[in-house]
N, C-alpha and C. Protein backbone atom coordinates (compact mmCIF):
# COMPACT_ATOMS: atom_id res chain seq x y z
N MET A 1 18.54 -54.87 -60.74
CA MET A 1 18.72 -55.95 -59.85
C MET A 1 17.75 -57.04 -60.11
N GLY A 2 18.23 -58.25 -59.94
CA GLY A 2 17.43 -59.48 -60.10
C GLY A 2 17.12 -60.29 -58.92
N LYS A 3 16.27 -61.18 -59.00
CA LYS A 3 15.94 -62.03 -57.77
C LYS A 3 16.07 -63.55 -58.27
N GLY A 4 16.25 -64.22 -57.42
CA GLY A 4 16.42 -65.73 -57.66
C GLY A 4 15.97 -66.57 -56.58
N VAL A 5 15.72 -67.89 -56.92
CA VAL A 5 15.32 -68.83 -55.81
C VAL A 5 16.03 -70.18 -56.03
N SER A 6 16.49 -70.83 -54.93
CA SER A 6 16.91 -72.12 -55.02
C SER A 6 15.82 -73.17 -54.53
N ILE A 7 15.44 -74.19 -55.24
CA ILE A 7 14.40 -75.01 -54.79
C ILE A 7 15.01 -76.37 -54.77
N GLN A 8 14.32 -77.19 -53.89
CA GLN A 8 14.77 -78.63 -53.78
C GLN A 8 13.60 -79.46 -53.34
N CYS A 9 13.53 -80.61 -53.93
CA CYS A 9 12.50 -81.60 -53.74
C CYS A 9 13.10 -82.72 -52.74
N LYS A 10 12.61 -82.75 -51.54
CA LYS A 10 13.31 -83.69 -50.59
C LYS A 10 12.91 -85.13 -50.91
N LYS A 11 11.88 -85.34 -51.69
CA LYS A 11 11.42 -86.56 -52.01
C LYS A 11 12.44 -87.28 -53.07
N CYS A 12 12.81 -86.59 -54.08
CA CYS A 12 13.68 -87.30 -55.05
C CYS A 12 15.16 -86.49 -55.19
N GLY A 13 15.38 -85.42 -54.58
CA GLY A 13 16.66 -84.84 -54.59
C GLY A 13 16.78 -83.74 -55.87
N PHE A 14 15.76 -83.70 -56.63
CA PHE A 14 15.80 -82.66 -57.58
C PHE A 14 15.98 -81.20 -57.05
N SER A 15 16.94 -80.54 -57.49
CA SER A 15 17.25 -79.05 -57.15
C SER A 15 17.60 -78.32 -58.32
N SER A 16 17.27 -76.95 -58.20
CA SER A 16 17.61 -76.06 -59.26
C SER A 16 17.74 -74.64 -58.67
N THR A 17 18.46 -73.77 -59.19
CA THR A 17 18.52 -72.34 -58.96
C THR A 17 18.07 -71.62 -60.13
N LEU A 18 16.99 -70.77 -60.00
CA LEU A 18 16.45 -70.04 -61.09
C LEU A 18 16.37 -68.46 -60.71
N PHE A 19 16.50 -67.72 -61.82
CA PHE A 19 16.65 -66.32 -61.67
C PHE A 19 15.58 -65.62 -62.52
N GLU A 20 15.29 -64.35 -62.10
CA GLU A 20 14.29 -63.41 -62.84
C GLU A 20 15.03 -61.91 -62.68
N GLY A 21 14.60 -61.22 -63.74
CA GLY A 21 15.02 -59.80 -63.60
C GLY A 21 16.25 -59.51 -64.53
N ILE A 22 16.88 -58.42 -64.28
CA ILE A 22 18.00 -58.05 -65.14
C ILE A 22 19.03 -57.62 -64.20
N GLY A 23 20.40 -58.00 -64.47
CA GLY A 23 21.46 -57.53 -63.76
C GLY A 23 22.30 -56.51 -64.38
N ILE A 24 23.18 -55.94 -63.56
CA ILE A 24 23.90 -54.65 -64.06
C ILE A 24 24.77 -54.90 -65.29
N ARG A 25 25.24 -56.21 -65.45
CA ARG A 25 26.09 -56.68 -66.51
C ARG A 25 25.44 -56.77 -67.68
N SER A 26 23.99 -57.07 -67.67
CA SER A 26 23.21 -57.25 -68.91
C SER A 26 22.04 -56.20 -69.08
N LYS A 27 22.27 -54.99 -68.59
CA LYS A 27 21.31 -53.91 -68.79
C LYS A 27 21.25 -53.58 -70.28
N ASP A 28 22.44 -53.66 -70.93
CA ASP A 28 22.31 -53.33 -72.39
C ASP A 28 21.74 -54.49 -73.08
N PHE A 29 20.81 -54.16 -74.05
CA PHE A 29 20.12 -55.29 -74.85
C PHE A 29 21.12 -56.24 -75.69
N ASP A 30 22.15 -55.47 -76.21
CA ASP A 30 23.06 -56.21 -77.12
C ASP A 30 23.91 -57.15 -76.21
N ILE A 31 24.16 -56.82 -74.96
CA ILE A 31 24.91 -57.84 -74.09
C ILE A 31 23.89 -58.95 -73.70
N PHE A 32 22.71 -58.62 -73.33
CA PHE A 32 21.67 -59.56 -72.94
C PHE A 32 21.36 -60.54 -74.10
N ARG A 33 21.50 -60.13 -75.33
CA ARG A 33 21.23 -60.97 -76.47
C ARG A 33 22.31 -61.99 -76.74
N LYS A 34 23.42 -62.12 -76.19
CA LYS A 34 24.48 -62.85 -76.24
C LYS A 34 24.03 -64.43 -75.71
N ASN A 35 23.04 -64.44 -74.88
CA ASN A 35 22.49 -65.68 -74.43
C ASN A 35 21.35 -66.24 -75.22
N ILE A 36 21.10 -65.67 -76.37
CA ILE A 36 19.97 -66.00 -77.10
C ILE A 36 20.51 -66.69 -78.40
N ALA A 37 19.77 -67.73 -78.93
CA ALA A 37 20.25 -68.56 -79.97
C ALA A 37 20.34 -67.71 -81.24
N LYS A 38 21.27 -68.15 -82.09
CA LYS A 38 21.67 -67.44 -83.33
C LYS A 38 20.48 -67.12 -84.18
N GLU A 39 19.60 -68.05 -84.49
CA GLU A 39 18.45 -67.85 -85.35
C GLU A 39 17.53 -66.84 -84.77
N ASP A 40 17.32 -66.89 -83.47
CA ASP A 40 16.49 -65.79 -82.81
C ASP A 40 17.09 -64.44 -82.97
N ASN A 41 18.42 -64.39 -82.74
CA ASN A 41 19.08 -63.12 -82.85
C ASN A 41 19.09 -62.59 -84.36
N GLU A 42 19.02 -63.46 -85.34
CA GLU A 42 19.04 -62.98 -86.77
C GLU A 42 17.60 -62.30 -86.98
N PHE A 43 16.48 -62.88 -86.44
CA PHE A 43 15.20 -62.41 -86.61
C PHE A 43 15.10 -61.12 -85.76
N ILE A 44 15.68 -61.00 -84.65
CA ILE A 44 15.63 -59.68 -83.88
C ILE A 44 16.51 -58.58 -84.68
N ASP A 45 17.51 -58.92 -85.33
CA ASP A 45 18.28 -58.03 -86.04
C ASP A 45 17.48 -57.47 -87.24
N TYR A 46 16.66 -58.37 -87.78
CA TYR A 46 15.68 -58.03 -88.95
C TYR A 46 14.84 -57.11 -88.53
N ILE A 47 14.14 -57.22 -87.33
CA ILE A 47 13.16 -56.31 -86.70
C ILE A 47 13.89 -54.98 -86.43
N LEU A 48 14.96 -55.05 -85.77
CA LEU A 48 15.64 -53.81 -85.42
C LEU A 48 16.14 -52.93 -86.60
N ASN A 49 16.51 -53.61 -87.56
CA ASN A 49 16.95 -52.94 -88.88
C ASN A 49 15.88 -52.18 -89.63
N LYS A 50 14.69 -52.58 -89.23
CA LYS A 50 13.48 -51.92 -89.94
C LYS A 50 13.13 -50.60 -89.48
N ASP A 51 13.88 -50.13 -88.45
CA ASP A 51 13.62 -48.75 -88.00
C ASP A 51 12.09 -48.51 -87.63
N SER A 52 11.50 -49.52 -87.19
CA SER A 52 10.01 -49.28 -86.79
C SER A 52 9.77 -49.88 -85.36
N THR A 53 10.84 -50.07 -84.68
CA THR A 53 10.71 -50.64 -83.32
C THR A 53 10.08 -49.64 -82.31
N ASN A 54 8.98 -49.94 -81.65
CA ASN A 54 8.23 -49.07 -80.85
C ASN A 54 8.75 -49.28 -79.30
N ASN A 55 8.98 -50.61 -78.99
CA ASN A 55 9.32 -50.87 -77.52
C ASN A 55 10.02 -52.18 -77.44
N ILE A 56 11.12 -52.17 -76.65
CA ILE A 56 11.69 -53.57 -76.34
C ILE A 56 11.71 -53.85 -74.82
N VAL A 57 11.23 -55.02 -74.48
CA VAL A 57 11.19 -55.43 -72.98
C VAL A 57 11.99 -56.77 -73.13
N TYR A 58 12.87 -56.75 -72.15
CA TYR A 58 13.66 -58.04 -72.04
C TYR A 58 14.13 -58.25 -70.55
N HIS A 59 14.26 -59.40 -70.14
CA HIS A 59 14.72 -59.67 -68.73
C HIS A 59 14.84 -61.36 -68.64
N ASN A 60 15.34 -61.81 -67.54
CA ASN A 60 15.31 -63.11 -67.33
C ASN A 60 14.02 -63.48 -66.55
N SER A 61 13.41 -64.67 -66.83
CA SER A 61 12.10 -64.97 -66.16
C SER A 61 12.16 -66.51 -65.68
N TYR A 62 11.40 -66.75 -64.90
CA TYR A 62 11.15 -68.22 -64.44
C TYR A 62 10.20 -68.86 -65.43
N GLY A 63 10.65 -69.99 -65.90
CA GLY A 63 9.79 -70.65 -66.95
C GLY A 63 9.52 -72.12 -66.62
N ARG A 64 8.36 -72.60 -67.06
CA ARG A 64 8.00 -73.96 -66.88
C ARG A 64 7.50 -74.49 -68.25
N CYS A 65 8.15 -75.79 -68.47
CA CYS A 65 7.78 -76.28 -69.81
C CYS A 65 6.35 -76.72 -69.83
N ASN A 66 5.57 -76.50 -70.90
CA ASN A 66 4.20 -76.80 -70.93
C ASN A 66 3.94 -78.27 -71.35
N LYS A 67 5.04 -78.91 -71.63
CA LYS A 67 5.00 -80.45 -71.97
C LYS A 67 5.32 -81.32 -70.87
N CYS A 68 6.64 -81.16 -70.35
CA CYS A 68 7.29 -81.88 -69.34
C CYS A 68 7.34 -81.44 -67.90
N GLY A 69 7.05 -80.12 -67.75
CA GLY A 69 7.06 -79.50 -66.46
C GLY A 69 8.38 -79.08 -66.04
N ASN A 70 9.44 -79.11 -66.88
CA ASN A 70 10.78 -78.79 -66.46
C ASN A 70 10.80 -77.26 -66.10
N LEU A 71 11.54 -76.88 -65.04
CA LEU A 71 11.71 -75.52 -64.56
C LEU A 71 13.09 -74.90 -64.89
N ALA A 72 13.07 -73.80 -65.54
CA ALA A 72 14.38 -73.10 -65.97
C ALA A 72 14.27 -71.66 -65.88
N THR A 73 15.41 -71.01 -65.93
CA THR A 73 15.58 -69.53 -66.09
C THR A 73 15.49 -69.35 -67.52
N ILE A 74 14.57 -68.51 -68.16
CA ILE A 74 14.52 -68.32 -69.60
C ILE A 74 14.70 -66.79 -69.88
N ASN A 75 15.19 -66.50 -71.10
CA ASN A 75 15.33 -65.13 -71.62
C ASN A 75 13.97 -64.67 -72.19
N TYR A 76 13.38 -63.69 -71.62
CA TYR A 76 12.12 -63.09 -72.10
C TYR A 76 12.48 -61.93 -72.97
N VAL A 77 11.93 -61.93 -74.23
CA VAL A 77 12.16 -60.76 -75.10
C VAL A 77 10.89 -60.45 -75.79
N GLU A 78 10.34 -59.20 -75.70
CA GLU A 78 9.24 -58.85 -76.33
C GLU A 78 9.53 -57.52 -77.17
N ILE A 79 9.32 -57.55 -78.43
CA ILE A 79 9.60 -56.28 -79.27
C ILE A 79 8.18 -55.96 -80.04
N GLN A 80 7.87 -54.70 -79.83
CA GLN A 80 6.75 -54.17 -80.50
C GLN A 80 7.24 -53.39 -81.66
N TYR A 81 6.78 -53.73 -82.95
CA TYR A 81 7.24 -53.03 -84.15
C TYR A 81 6.29 -53.04 -85.21
N ASP A 82 6.40 -52.21 -86.25
CA ASP A 82 5.55 -51.98 -87.33
C ASP A 82 4.08 -51.64 -86.74
N ILE A 83 3.97 -50.73 -85.97
CA ILE A 83 2.75 -50.27 -85.24
C ILE A 83 1.98 -51.20 -84.42
N GLU A 84 1.63 -52.43 -85.07
CA GLU A 84 0.76 -53.43 -84.29
C GLU A 84 1.28 -54.77 -84.28
N LYS A 85 2.56 -54.96 -84.70
CA LYS A 85 3.22 -56.27 -84.64
C LYS A 85 4.00 -56.52 -83.34
N LYS A 86 4.10 -57.72 -82.80
CA LYS A 86 4.78 -57.95 -81.63
C LYS A 86 5.53 -59.31 -81.82
N PHE A 87 6.72 -59.29 -81.44
CA PHE A 87 7.61 -60.47 -81.38
C PHE A 87 7.83 -60.75 -79.90
N ILE A 88 7.50 -62.11 -79.60
CA ILE A 88 7.90 -62.62 -78.24
C ILE A 88 8.71 -63.91 -78.49
N LEU A 89 9.97 -64.02 -77.89
CA LEU A 89 10.94 -64.98 -78.06
C LEU A 89 10.22 -66.19 -77.54
N ASP A 90 10.23 -67.33 -78.41
CA ASP A 90 9.79 -68.68 -77.97
C ASP A 90 10.87 -69.40 -77.42
N GLN A 91 10.81 -69.82 -76.26
CA GLN A 91 11.94 -70.56 -75.62
C GLN A 91 11.44 -72.15 -75.61
N LYS A 92 12.33 -73.08 -76.11
CA LYS A 92 12.07 -74.33 -76.16
C LYS A 92 12.75 -74.99 -75.11
N CYS A 93 12.11 -76.04 -74.40
CA CYS A 93 12.75 -76.98 -73.41
C CYS A 93 13.87 -77.72 -74.02
N HIS A 94 15.02 -77.78 -73.27
CA HIS A 94 16.18 -78.52 -73.73
C HIS A 94 15.96 -80.12 -73.47
N LYS A 95 14.90 -80.45 -72.63
CA LYS A 95 14.71 -81.76 -72.36
C LYS A 95 13.74 -82.48 -73.31
N CYS A 96 12.55 -81.78 -73.68
CA CYS A 96 11.60 -82.44 -74.56
C CYS A 96 11.23 -81.71 -75.74
N GLU A 97 11.75 -80.50 -76.00
CA GLU A 97 11.33 -79.58 -77.07
C GLU A 97 9.94 -78.87 -76.90
N GLY A 98 9.41 -79.04 -75.74
CA GLY A 98 8.14 -78.29 -75.45
C GLY A 98 8.46 -76.81 -75.31
N ARG A 99 7.54 -76.03 -74.98
CA ARG A 99 7.69 -74.56 -74.94
C ARG A 99 7.53 -74.15 -73.48
N TYR A 100 8.44 -73.07 -73.13
CA TYR A 100 8.46 -72.65 -71.78
C TYR A 100 7.48 -71.52 -71.59
N ASP A 101 6.58 -71.55 -70.67
CA ASP A 101 5.68 -70.37 -70.34
C ASP A 101 6.39 -69.69 -69.19
N VAL A 102 6.13 -68.40 -69.25
CA VAL A 102 6.70 -67.47 -68.10
C VAL A 102 5.75 -67.67 -66.99
N ILE A 103 6.46 -67.76 -65.77
CA ILE A 103 5.55 -68.08 -64.63
C ILE A 103 6.05 -67.13 -63.46
N THR A 104 5.35 -66.97 -62.54
CA THR A 104 5.56 -65.99 -61.34
C THR A 104 6.41 -66.86 -60.31
N LEU A 105 6.95 -66.17 -59.37
CA LEU A 105 7.57 -66.93 -58.16
C LEU A 105 6.56 -67.80 -57.48
N GLU A 106 5.38 -67.35 -57.29
CA GLU A 106 4.41 -68.08 -56.59
C GLU A 106 4.02 -69.36 -57.34
N GLU A 107 3.84 -69.20 -58.70
CA GLU A 107 3.60 -70.35 -59.58
C GLU A 107 4.76 -71.29 -59.57
N LEU A 108 5.98 -70.75 -59.47
CA LEU A 108 7.11 -71.70 -59.45
C LEU A 108 7.09 -72.53 -58.15
N LEU A 109 6.85 -71.76 -57.06
CA LEU A 109 6.91 -72.63 -55.89
C LEU A 109 5.74 -73.63 -55.63
N LYS A 110 4.72 -73.38 -56.40
CA LYS A 110 3.58 -74.33 -56.43
C LYS A 110 3.61 -75.42 -57.52
N SER A 111 4.73 -75.22 -58.28
CA SER A 111 4.91 -76.33 -59.32
C SER A 111 5.06 -77.56 -58.93
N LYS A 112 4.78 -78.66 -59.60
CA LYS A 112 5.26 -80.10 -59.30
C LYS A 112 6.67 -80.21 -59.70
N CYS A 113 7.16 -81.18 -58.95
CA CYS A 113 8.63 -81.46 -59.25
C CYS A 113 8.73 -82.11 -60.65
N PRO A 114 9.56 -81.69 -61.47
CA PRO A 114 9.61 -82.25 -62.90
C PRO A 114 10.23 -83.60 -62.98
N THR A 115 10.81 -84.15 -61.93
CA THR A 115 11.47 -85.47 -61.94
C THR A 115 10.49 -86.46 -61.26
N CYS A 116 9.88 -86.19 -60.14
CA CYS A 116 9.06 -87.18 -59.41
C CYS A 116 7.56 -86.77 -59.42
N ASN A 117 7.23 -85.61 -59.72
CA ASN A 117 5.84 -85.10 -59.80
C ASN A 117 5.36 -84.86 -58.34
N ASN A 118 6.31 -84.58 -57.36
CA ASN A 118 5.90 -84.34 -56.04
C ASN A 118 5.08 -83.11 -56.09
N GLU A 119 4.19 -82.79 -55.19
CA GLU A 119 3.18 -81.68 -55.24
C GLU A 119 3.84 -80.35 -54.84
N GLU A 120 4.95 -80.32 -54.16
CA GLU A 120 5.48 -79.07 -53.64
C GLU A 120 6.89 -79.27 -53.31
N PHE A 121 7.72 -78.09 -53.42
CA PHE A 121 9.05 -78.15 -52.96
C PHE A 121 9.23 -77.95 -51.59
N ASP A 122 10.10 -78.74 -50.88
CA ASP A 122 10.19 -78.66 -49.53
C ASP A 122 11.17 -77.51 -48.88
N SER A 123 12.02 -77.15 -49.68
CA SER A 123 12.85 -75.92 -49.21
C SER A 123 13.24 -75.04 -50.39
N PHE A 124 13.41 -73.76 -50.12
CA PHE A 124 13.87 -72.93 -51.07
C PHE A 124 14.71 -71.79 -50.32
N VAL A 125 15.48 -71.13 -51.14
CA VAL A 125 16.23 -69.98 -50.63
C VAL A 125 16.15 -68.78 -51.64
N ASN A 126 15.79 -67.63 -51.13
CA ASN A 126 15.73 -66.43 -51.86
C ASN A 126 16.99 -65.73 -52.16
N ILE A 127 17.30 -65.27 -53.45
CA ILE A 127 18.62 -64.73 -53.70
C ILE A 127 18.37 -63.35 -54.38
N ASP A 128 19.03 -62.30 -54.01
CA ASP A 128 19.25 -60.96 -54.79
C ASP A 128 20.44 -61.11 -55.50
N TRP A 129 20.57 -60.59 -56.82
CA TRP A 129 21.78 -60.64 -57.49
C TRP A 129 21.80 -59.27 -58.41
N GLU A 130 23.03 -58.98 -58.88
CA GLU A 130 23.09 -57.76 -59.73
C GLU A 130 23.74 -58.21 -61.01
């Protein structure tokens, strides 16, 4: 089951609905991967075909761009392989090509509005999803 939140900045009208977790329809990693870029999936295939995968962690996460502050739902993938190697999917911002950092719900709600830089969001709604 996943969680989500709808946020809105009353100062400029920016709004977004963001999700974290994993739903019933994407519990299988192969289904989850359909939302990942082709180049990233090719590298994931390379890792998985090495037969040295130790652990795979994947889910939707809240993300904040480290360059422009854009907020988005991102695909989090972490694969441990070859004893000590780790692959973490790098998510690029579609607005500025910056990199998304995974953030918590608390960090999301304390984020500045990516449009007007307002200090806090004035309203939000919690969502549970499957």
